[in-house]
Amino acid sequence: MPTKAAISLRHDLEPGSLYLRDSTHELHLLRPFLTGEVCPVCRAWSTFHADLVPKGGVQLKSLEHGHVLHQPAGKSKALVDVGLL
């Protein structure tokens, strides 16, 4: 299903974060498993997932075109919290 912007009456949603809508139309936060950011290589909005864990951080990889984004260890707490790191 394509990515779409939507308006919601919920006040607990994170602006700019990715959500999955289930069959009952409930929204589920995908962060930190998937994040949406502007790609530093092509400058297009892209969906990233944790790919490698080099020393000092995590390498995120774009699902759309394979470009990578390096995230410092200090910004990876959410990945540690869910057991990915």
C-alpha atoms as a PDB file:
ATOM      1  CA  MET A   1       0.000   0.000   0.000  1.00  0.00           C
ATOM      2  CA  PRO A   2       1.371   3.457  -0.826  1.00  0.00           C
ATOM      3  CA  THR A   3       2.407   5.995   1.754  1.00  0.00           C
ATOM      4  CA  LYS A   4      -0.239   8.650   2.317  1.00  0.00           C
ATOM      5  CA  ALA A   5      -0.576  11.701   4.504  1.00  0.00           C
ATOM      6  CA  ALA A   6      -3.669  11.766   6.688  1.00  0.00           C
ATOM      7  CA  ILE A   7      -5.371  13.926   9.275  1.00  0.00           C
ATOM      8  CA  SER A   8      -6.366  12.320  12.566  1.00  0.00           C
ATOM      9  CA  LEU A   9      -8.248  13.441  15.645  1.00  0.00           C
ATOM     10  CA  ARG A  10      -5.820  11.503  17.874  1.00  0.00           C
ATOM     11  CA  HIS A  11      -3.456  13.697  19.889  1.00  0.00           C
ATOM     12  CA  ASP A  12      -0.825  11.024  20.589  1.00  0.00           C
ATOM     13  CA  LEU A  13       0.485  10.677  17.015  1.00  0.00           C
ATOM     14  CA  GLU A  14       4.026  11.771  16.135  1.00  0.00           C
ATOM     15  CA  PRO A  15       4.095  14.253  13.270  1.00  0.00           C
ATOM     16  CA  GLY A  16       6.306  12.940  10.460  1.00  0.00           C
ATOM     17  CA  SER A  17       6.455   9.373  11.829  1.00  0.00           C
ATOM     18  CA  LEU A  18       5.331   6.338   9.872  1.00  0.00           C
ATOM     19  CA  TYR A  19       2.205   4.426  10.911  1.00  0.00           C
ATOM     20  CA  LEU A  20       0.550   1.298   9.593  1.00  0.00           C
ATOM     21  CA  ARG A  21      -3.251   1.229   9.372  1.00  0.00           C
ATOM     22  CA  ASP A  22      -4.774  -2.193  10.130  1.00  0.00           C
ATOM     23  CA  SER A  23      -8.044  -3.666   8.872  1.00  0.00           C
ATOM     24  CA  THR A  24      -9.978  -1.891  11.649  1.00  0.00           C
ATOM     25  CA  HIS A  25      -8.346   1.436  10.656  1.00  0.00           C
ATOM     26  CA  GLU A  26      -6.315   1.579  13.897  1.00  0.00           C
ATOM     27  CA  LEU A  27      -2.875   3.198  13.491  1.00  0.00           C
ATOM     28  CA  HIS A  28       0.332   1.493  14.715  1.00  0.00           C
ATOM     29  CA  LEU A  29       3.648   3.354  15.049  1.00  0.00           C
ATOM     30  CA  LEU A  30       6.422   1.733  12.979  1.00  0.00           C
ATOM     31  CA  ARG A  31       9.316   3.566  14.618  1.00  0.00           C
ATOM     32  CA  PRO A  32      11.933   2.414  15.363  1.00  0.00           C
ATOM     33  CA  PHE A  33      11.555  -0.557  13.000  1.00  0.00           C
ATOM     34  CA  LEU A  34      10.985   1.773  10.038  1.00  0.00           C
ATOM     35  CA  THR A  35      11.635   5.495   9.887  1.00  0.00           C
ATOM     36  CA  GLY A  36      10.905   8.071   7.223  1.00  0.00           C
ATOM     37  CA  GLU A  37      13.540  10.686   6.485  1.00  0.00           C
ATOM     38  CA  VAL A  38      14.966  12.715   3.645  1.00  0.00           C
ATOM     39  CA  CYS A  39      17.746  10.641   2.052  1.00  0.00           C
ATOM     40  CA  PRO A  40      21.140  12.383   2.316  1.00  0.00           C
ATOM     41  CA  VAL A  41      22.138  10.951  -1.092  1.00  0.00           C
ATOM     42  CA  CYS A  42      19.160  11.666  -3.392  1.00  0.00           C
ATOM     43  CA  ARG A  43      17.211  14.129  -1.193  1.00  0.00           C
ATOM     44  CA  ALA A  44      13.982  12.134  -1.679  1.00  0.00           C
ATOM     45  CA  TRP A  45      11.697  11.178   1.235  1.00  0.00           C
ATOM     46  CA  SER A  46      12.616   7.545   1.969  1.00  0.00           C
ATOM     47  CA  THR A  47      11.761   4.689   4.305  1.00  0.00           C
ATOM     48  CA  PHE A  48      14.777   3.414   6.279  1.00  0.00           C
ATOM     49  CA  HIS A  49      15.388   0.252   8.328  1.00  0.00           C
ATOM     50  CA  ALA A  50      18.311  -0.742  10.573  1.00  0.00           C
ATOM     51  CA  ASP A  51      20.766  -2.646   8.382  1.00  0.00           C
ATOM     52  CA  LEU A  52      24.222  -2.808  10.001  1.00  0.00           C
ATOM     53  CA  VAL A  53      25.639  -1.911  13.400  1.00  0.00           C
ATOM     54  CA  PRO A  54      29.153  -0.567  12.894  1.00  0.00           C
ATOM     55  CA  LYS A  55      31.105   0.725  15.900  1.00  0.00           C
ATOM     56  CA  GLY A  56      29.650   3.964  17.198  1.00  0.00           C
ATOM     57  CA  GLY A  57      26.194   3.824  15.665  1.00  0.00           C
ATOM     58  CA  VAL A  58      23.806   2.136  13.289  1.00  0.00           C
ATOM     59  CA  GLN A  59      23.558   2.149   9.512  1.00  0.00           C
ATOM     60  CA  LEU A  60      20.041   2.663   8.192  1.00  0.00           C
ATOM     61  CA  LYS A  61      19.234   1.533   4.646  1.00  0.00           C
ATOM     62  CA  SER A  62      16.544   2.890   2.336  1.00  0.00           C
ATOM     63  CA  LEU A  63      13.895   0.413   1.210  1.00  0.00           C
ATOM     64  CA  GLU A  64      13.299   2.390  -1.968  1.00  0.00           C
ATOM     65  CA  HIS A  65      16.810   2.688  -3.417  1.00  0.00           C
ATOM     66  CA  GLY A  66      19.360   1.186  -1.022  1.00  0.00           C
ATOM     67  CA  HIS A  67      21.057   4.429   0.002  1.00  0.00           C
ATOM     68  CA  VAL A  68      22.403   4.454   3.554  1.00  0.00           C
ATOM     69  CA  LEU A  69      22.139   6.877   6.446  1.00  0.00           C
ATOM     70  CA  HIS A  70      24.534   6.682   9.401  1.00  0.00           C
ATOM     71  CA  GLN A  71      22.984   7.356  12.791  1.00  0.00           C
ATOM     72  CA  PRO A  72      25.206   7.978  15.852  1.00  0.00           C
ATOM     73  CA  ALA A  73      24.872   5.596  18.801  1.00  0.00           C
ATOM     74  CA  GLY A  74      23.262   8.328  20.916  1.00  0.00           C
ATOM     75  CA  LYS A  75      20.295   8.528  18.538  1.00  0.00           C
ATOM     76  CA  SER A  76      19.761   4.732  18.559  1.00  0.00           C
ATOM     77  CA  LYS A  77      18.168   4.364  22.015  1.00  0.00           C
ATOM     78  CA  ALA A  78      14.809   3.378  20.507  1.00  0.00           C
ATOM     79  CA  LEU A  79      16.487   0.476  18.676  1.00  0.00           C
ATOM     80  CA  VAL A  80      18.112  -0.667  21.928  1.00  0.00           C
ATOM     81  CA  ASP A  81      14.787  -0.414  23.761  1.00  0.00           C
ATOM     82  CA  VAL A  82      13.077  -2.814  21.332  1.00  0.00           C
ATOM     83  CA  GLY A  83      16.014  -5.262  21.248  1.00  0.00           C
ATOM     84  CA  LEU A  84      17.318  -4.555  17.735  1.00  0.00           C
ATOM     85  CA  LEU A  85      20.705  -3.413  19.093  1.00  0.00           C
END
